[in-house]
Amino acid sequence: MALHWIFDSQRLLVTHTAEGDFTHADLMAYIDAVEGAKVLSWRKLFDASNARLAMTEDELMSAGARIRGTHASAPSGPIAVILPHEDAGPFMRFLGFLSAAERPMRLFRELEPARRWIEAMPSALQEERPA
């Protein structure tokens, strides 16, 4: 699998890293895990710097529909995305589906600025908690 993730319950942060071919099956497994763990509202750090989007047009459209469905089911936490070092063009269409949610989203070229930004953001869950 080219996509790996860590759920950090203390920091309400999901860190996911894609390496090599990032496939439809990888994405579906990730979405299943996020929905199952009920962490949609957590902050997300997505490192795709060493990834290549390996989805057909039909797979990409299917992924987009699934992503939009998750956005409709629960608040989405902010997301920081580190863009692929290689040709990011195909990846940009995928980002369009991620950006449809009402949440902060920012693109980066390097990990550390992305990490600093996402760690400064509250998760959607934190915003819902009474002070």
C-alpha atoms as a PDB file:
ATOM      1  CA  MET A   1       0.000   0.000   0.000  1.00  0.00           C
ATOM      2  CA  ALA A   2       1.347   3.415  -0.967  1.00  0.00           C
ATOM      3  CA  LEU A   3      -0.702   5.311   1.618  1.00  0.00           C
ATOM      4  CA  HIS A   4       0.036   5.118   5.340  1.00  0.00           C
ATOM      5  CA  TRP A   5      -1.671   6.985   8.165  1.00  0.00           C
ATOM      6  CA  ILE A   6      -1.405   7.647  11.887  1.00  0.00           C
ATOM      7  CA  PHE A   7      -4.312   8.750  14.095  1.00  0.00           C
ATOM      8  CA  ASP A   8      -3.022  10.823  17.029  1.00  0.00           C
ATOM      9  CA  SER A   9      -5.882  11.132  19.535  1.00  0.00           C
ATOM     10  CA  GLN A  10      -3.965  13.429  21.885  1.00  0.00           C
ATOM     11  CA  ARG A  11      -3.356  16.000  19.163  1.00  0.00           C
ATOM     12  CA  LEU A  12      -6.554  15.308  17.150  1.00  0.00           C
ATOM     13  CA  LEU A  13      -4.344  14.923  14.093  1.00  0.00           C
ATOM     14  CA  VAL A  14      -4.315  12.459  11.220  1.00  0.00           C
ATOM     15  CA  THR A  15      -0.988  12.277   9.430  1.00  0.00           C
ATOM     16  CA  HIS A  16      -1.068  10.448   6.117  1.00  0.00           C
ATOM     17  CA  THR A  17       1.787   9.868   3.726  1.00  0.00           C
ATOM     18  CA  ALA A  18       1.536   8.716   0.122  1.00  0.00           C
ATOM     19  CA  GLU A  19       4.596   7.248  -1.572  1.00  0.00           C
ATOM     20  CA  GLY A  20       4.869   5.924  -5.109  1.00  0.00           C
ATOM     21  CA  ASP A  21       1.643   5.147  -6.937  1.00  0.00           C
ATOM     22  CA  PHE A  22      -1.325   6.542  -4.988  1.00  0.00           C
ATOM     23  CA  THR A  23      -4.230   4.362  -6.148  1.00  0.00           C
ATOM     24  CA  HIS A  24      -7.991   4.330  -5.847  1.00  0.00           C
ATOM     25  CA  ALA A  25      -7.775   1.266  -3.559  1.00  0.00           C
ATOM     26  CA  ASP A  26      -5.345   3.123  -1.268  1.00  0.00           C
ATOM     27  CA  LEU A  27      -7.713   6.076  -1.004  1.00  0.00           C
ATOM     28  CA  MET A  28     -10.795   3.921  -0.378  1.00  0.00           C
ATOM     29  CA  ALA A  29      -8.998   2.036   2.426  1.00  0.00           C
ATOM     30  CA  TYR A  30      -7.988   5.357   3.991  1.00  0.00           C
ATOM     31  CA  ILE A  31     -11.525   6.777   3.811  1.00  0.00           C
ATOM     32  CA  ASP A  32     -12.897   3.568   5.344  1.00  0.00           C
ATOM     33  CA  ALA A  33     -10.399   3.909   8.204  1.00  0.00           C
ATOM     34  CA  VAL A  34     -11.149   7.603   8.815  1.00  0.00           C
ATOM     35  CA  GLU A  35     -14.895   7.022   8.790  1.00  0.00           C
ATOM     36  CA  GLY A  36     -14.599   3.931  10.979  1.00  0.00           C
ATOM     37  CA  ALA A  37     -12.439   5.749  13.516  1.00  0.00           C
ATOM     38  CA  LYS A  38     -14.758   8.793  13.413  1.00  0.00           C
ATOM     39  CA  VAL A  39     -11.891  11.244  12.882  1.00  0.00           C
ATOM     40  CA  LEU A  40     -13.281  13.281   9.958  1.00  0.00           C
ATOM     41  CA  SER A  41     -13.263  16.428  12.093  1.00  0.00           C
ATOM     42  CA  TRP A  42      -9.601  16.076  13.101  1.00  0.00           C
ATOM     43  CA  ARG A  43      -6.799  18.077  11.516  1.00  0.00           C
ATOM     44  CA  LYS A  44      -5.028  16.334   8.658  1.00  0.00           C
ATOM     45  CA  LEU A  45      -1.482  16.532   7.370  1.00  0.00           C
ATOM     46  CA  PHE A  46      -1.238  14.873   3.952  1.00  0.00           C
ATOM     47  CA  ASP A  47       2.306  14.396   2.649  1.00  0.00           C
ATOM     48  CA  ALA A  48       2.117  13.560  -1.057  1.00  0.00           C
ATOM     49  CA  SER A  49       5.608  14.861  -1.821  1.00  0.00           C
ATOM     50  CA  ASN A  50       6.798  11.438  -3.050  1.00  0.00           C
ATOM     51  CA  ALA A  51       3.514  10.280  -4.613  1.00  0.00           C
ATOM     52  CA  ARG A  52       2.139   9.861  -8.087  1.00  0.00           C
ATOM     53  CA  LEU A  53      -1.616   9.865  -8.604  1.00  0.00           C
ATOM     54  CA  ALA A  54      -2.341   6.508 -10.260  1.00  0.00           C
ATOM     55  CA  MET A  55      -6.081   6.623 -10.905  1.00  0.00           C
ATOM     56  CA  THR A  56      -8.090   6.396 -14.092  1.00  0.00           C
ATOM     57  CA  GLU A  57     -10.603   9.123 -14.849  1.00  0.00           C
ATOM     58  CA  ASP A  58     -13.439   6.873 -13.643  1.00  0.00           C
ATOM     59  CA  GLU A  59     -11.570   6.048 -10.437  1.00  0.00           C
ATOM     60  CA  LEU A  60     -10.894   9.731  -9.835  1.00  0.00           C
ATOM     61  CA  MET A  61     -14.596  10.583 -10.282  1.00  0.00           C
ATOM     62  CA  SER A  62     -15.576   7.725  -7.956  1.00  0.00           C
ATOM     63  CA  ALA A  63     -13.068   8.965  -5.375  1.00  0.00           C
ATOM     64  CA  GLY A  64     -14.429  12.488  -5.691  1.00  0.00           C
ATOM     65  CA  ALA A  65     -17.975  11.294  -5.060  1.00  0.00           C
ATOM     66  CA  ARG A  66     -16.855   9.356  -1.989  1.00  0.00           C
ATOM     67  CA  ILE A  67     -14.874  12.313  -0.640  1.00  0.00           C
ATOM     68  CA  ARG A  68     -17.834  14.657  -1.090  1.00  0.00           C
ATOM     69  CA  GLY A  69     -20.025  12.115   0.678  1.00  0.00           C
ATOM     70  CA  THR A  70     -17.742  12.167   3.704  1.00  0.00           C
ATOM     71  CA  HIS A  71     -17.872  15.960   3.731  1.00  0.00           C
ATOM     72  CA  ALA A  72     -21.664  15.800   3.907  1.00  0.00           C
ATOM     73  CA  SER A  73     -21.669  13.302   6.781  1.00  0.00           C
ATOM     74  CA  ALA A  74     -19.563  15.215   9.336  1.00  0.00           C
ATOM     75  CA  PRO A  75     -17.580  18.441   9.761  1.00  0.00           C
ATOM     76  CA  SER A  76     -14.176  18.230   8.086  1.00  0.00           C
ATOM     77  CA  GLY A  77     -11.084  19.327   9.948  1.00  0.00           C
ATOM     78  CA  PRO A  78      -8.457  21.547   8.338  1.00  0.00           C
ATOM     79  CA  ILE A  79      -5.979  19.951   5.972  1.00  0.00           C
ATOM     80  CA  ALA A  80      -2.404  20.790   4.982  1.00  0.00           C
ATOM     81  CA  VAL A  81      -1.249  19.137   1.762  1.00  0.00           C
ATOM     82  CA  ILE A  82       2.384  18.800   0.693  1.00  0.00           C
ATOM     83  CA  LEU A  83       2.336  18.659  -3.105  1.00  0.00           C
ATOM     84  CA  PRO A  84       4.226  16.030  -5.095  1.00  0.00           C
ATOM     85  CA  HIS A  85       7.806  16.979  -6.021  1.00  0.00           C
ATOM     86  CA  GLU A  86       7.267  15.498  -9.471  1.00  0.00           C
ATOM     87  CA  ASP A  87       4.462  16.435 -11.850  1.00  0.00           C
ATOM     88  CA  ALA A  88       1.708  17.761  -9.558  1.00  0.00           C
ATOM     89  CA  GLY A  89      -0.685  18.394 -12.453  1.00  0.00           C
ATOM     90  CA  PRO A  90      -2.717  15.167 -12.173  1.00  0.00           C
ATOM     91  CA  PHE A  91      -2.822  15.585  -8.395  1.00  0.00           C
ATOM     92  CA  MET A  92      -4.450  19.018  -8.690  1.00  0.00           C
ATOM     93  CA  ARG A  93      -7.755  17.539  -9.869  1.00  0.00           C
ATOM     94  CA  PHE A  94      -7.811  15.322  -6.791  1.00  0.00           C
ATOM     95  CA  LEU A  95      -7.225  18.420  -4.650  1.00  0.00           C
ATOM     96  CA  GLY A  96     -10.347  19.961  -6.137  1.00  0.00           C
ATOM     97  CA  PHE A  97     -12.421  17.306  -4.370  1.00  0.00           C
ATOM     98  CA  LEU A  98     -10.628  17.943  -1.071  1.00  0.00           C
ATOM     99  CA  SER A  99     -11.185  21.682  -1.340  1.00  0.00           C
ATOM    100  CA  ALA A 100     -14.968  21.299  -1.689  1.00  0.00           C
ATOM    101  CA  ALA A 101     -15.372  20.937   2.087  1.00  0.00           C
ATOM    102  CA  GLU A 102     -15.959  23.979   4.234  1.00  0.00           C
ATOM    103  CA  ARG A 103     -12.687  23.913   6.113  1.00  0.00           C
ATOM    104  CA  PRO A 104      -9.275  25.558   6.049  1.00  0.00           C
ATOM    105  CA  MET A 105      -6.965  24.031   3.447  1.00  0.00           C
ATOM    106  CA  ARG A 106      -3.489  25.069   2.441  1.00  0.00           C
ATOM    107  CA  LEU A 107      -0.949  23.703  -0.042  1.00  0.00           C
ATOM    108  CA  PHE A 108       2.765  23.435   0.679  1.00  0.00           C
ATOM    109  CA  ARG A 109       5.965  22.328  -1.036  1.00  0.00           C
ATOM    110  CA  GLU A 110       7.795  21.301   2.161  1.00  0.00           C
ATOM    111  CA  LEU A 111       6.829  19.311   5.261  1.00  0.00           C
ATOM    112  CA  GLU A 112       7.900  21.621   8.088  1.00  0.00           C
ATOM    113  CA  PRO A 113       5.869  24.711   7.068  1.00  0.00           C
ATOM    114  CA  ALA A 114       2.861  22.422   6.583  1.00  0.00           C
ATOM    115  CA  ARG A 115       3.365  20.852  10.013  1.00  0.00           C
ATOM    116  CA  ARG A 116       3.640  24.259  11.701  1.00  0.00           C
ATOM    117  CA  TRP A 117       0.484  25.519   9.985  1.00  0.00           C
ATOM    118  CA  ILE A 118      -1.681  22.465  10.722  1.00  0.00           C
ATOM    119  CA  GLU A 119      -0.573  22.265  14.345  1.00  0.00           C
ATOM    120  CA  ALA A 120      -1.647  25.891  14.830  1.00  0.00           C
ATOM    121  CA  MET A 121      -5.141  25.137  13.470  1.00  0.00           C
ATOM    122  CA  PRO A 122      -7.985  23.885  15.677  1.00  0.00           C
ATOM    123  CA  SER A 123      -9.727  20.704  14.593  1.00  0.00           C
ATOM    124  CA  ALA A 124     -13.433  20.950  13.789  1.00  0.00           C
ATOM    125  CA  LEU A 125     -13.984  18.882  16.940  1.00  0.00           C
ATOM    126  CA  GLN A 126     -12.126  21.451  19.069  1.00  0.00           C
ATOM    127  CA  GLU A 127     -14.269  24.233  17.591  1.00  0.00           C
ATOM    128  CA  GLU A 128     -17.437  22.362  18.626  1.00  0.00           C
ATOM    129  CA  ARG A 129     -16.374  21.886  22.254  1.00  0.00           C
ATOM    130  CA  PRO A 130     -17.679  24.456  24.748  1.00  0.00           C
ATOM    131  CA  ALA A 131     -14.971  26.613  26.283  1.00  0.00           C
END
